[in-house]
Amino acid sequence: MHLHDLRLRLRAAGAGPSHEHRILRTWSQALPRDGGKRPTANYFPAGLLAQLPAIDAELAALARVQTVHPGADGSERLLVGLADGQTVESVLLPRGGVCVSSQVGCAVGCQFCMTGQAGLLRQVRSAEIVAQVALARARRPVSRVVFMGMGEPSHNLDGVLEAIDFLGTVGNVGHKNLVFSTVGDPRAFERLHRQTVRPALALSLHTTDAALRRRLLPRAPDLTPEQLVEAADAYARASGYPVQYQWTLLEGINDRPEDIDGLVRLLRGRWGVLNLIPFNSVEGSGFTRPALDQCERMARTLHERGILTKLRHSAGQDVDGGCGQLRARALQGDATGHVIAMPPRRARNPVGAGVRGDGTITAST
């Protein structure tokens, strides 16, 4: 079900604009429906009241939590079942964030990502995307939604942008706290500029070498890193939100001195932050995660050379919960539905820098 179908369903049940808004607001924000000044019984027309149990059942069926996998960092990875039996993954992040999936599978085929190994199975509909947020909010407060779960959002533009418009209005999420993540697609850049609710942008870069990028992301649009950064930077300055450049650290592939040189050439003077994310190991991928000291050294060197850099750690690494891994384990019969408790891991501090008054990337002093 898409959000526009849901609205039509409510109107057919007798909901007026204010009734529709109340149902959608309380659902998407996981609020009690009778929490306002006017009780539902005195506010909704009789016909709508009679259909509310069926409507509530339809909303609940959009997405349900199948298993919960808590991480030592305060995150929770959720395996979410959809009404047709397909599953996706959502991640409750520390400090009020949730990462949602936009597709069942993915067509890009990133060589270091479990999600893409099975290809694209179907799009996640806009109401199913919002349902992931509603499930997260039923567990804890959520003020930030990032589209960095399973799938490539630019390949599901209509559904993702409808969900973003909804979350930025009815869903009460600040526009800068909606993050559209993409490998880079001209259609996405063009549509984002025309959005009423304009999200922040995260660009999956991973390398400054065009030939290597084609090998790592074999079915991404054939744009050079320079073209991608130019388009992303233009959107950042138009929207007012700096770009988050995503860089999955792969040992011996993109953690070398020449990679640092390439990043300095590409990102100096751009409005954004570079997120270095150590690879979340995928069995059989052929890639490995660099040692922590190597990751820290790269972040520190970039910082010293004027690039705003954060060393991030993918939430849930201690439960092998990278995108697609929970779903793969479930398909293999290894998701029992129990909550998995893991031992704590040593805290890791990010390496950071500042942003100049004019918004360009620079190291702080």
Foldseek 3Di string as FASTA:
>chain_A
DAPVVLLVVLVVQPDDPVRSLLVLLCQLLVHDSQPDPDGPVRPGDPSSVVCVVVSVVVLDQQKDFQAWEAALQGKIKTWIAGNVGQTFIKMQDPPAEIEFEFFQAEAQPQLQAQRPPVHGDGTRALSSRSSVSSVSSNVPHHQAYEHPFHYACVVVVVRVLSNLVCCCPSVNHPLARYEHEHCADPVVLVVLLVRPRRYAYEHAQQFQDQVVVCVRRVRHPSDHSLVRLVSNQVSCVSVVHAYEYEHADWPPRQLDPVNLVSCLVRAFFGQHEYEYEFRLDDPPSPTHGDDPVSLQVSQVVSLVSFAWYKYDYPPPSQVSDGHNPVSVCVVVVNRPSYYDDGDHDDDDGIDGADADPVRGGGGHD
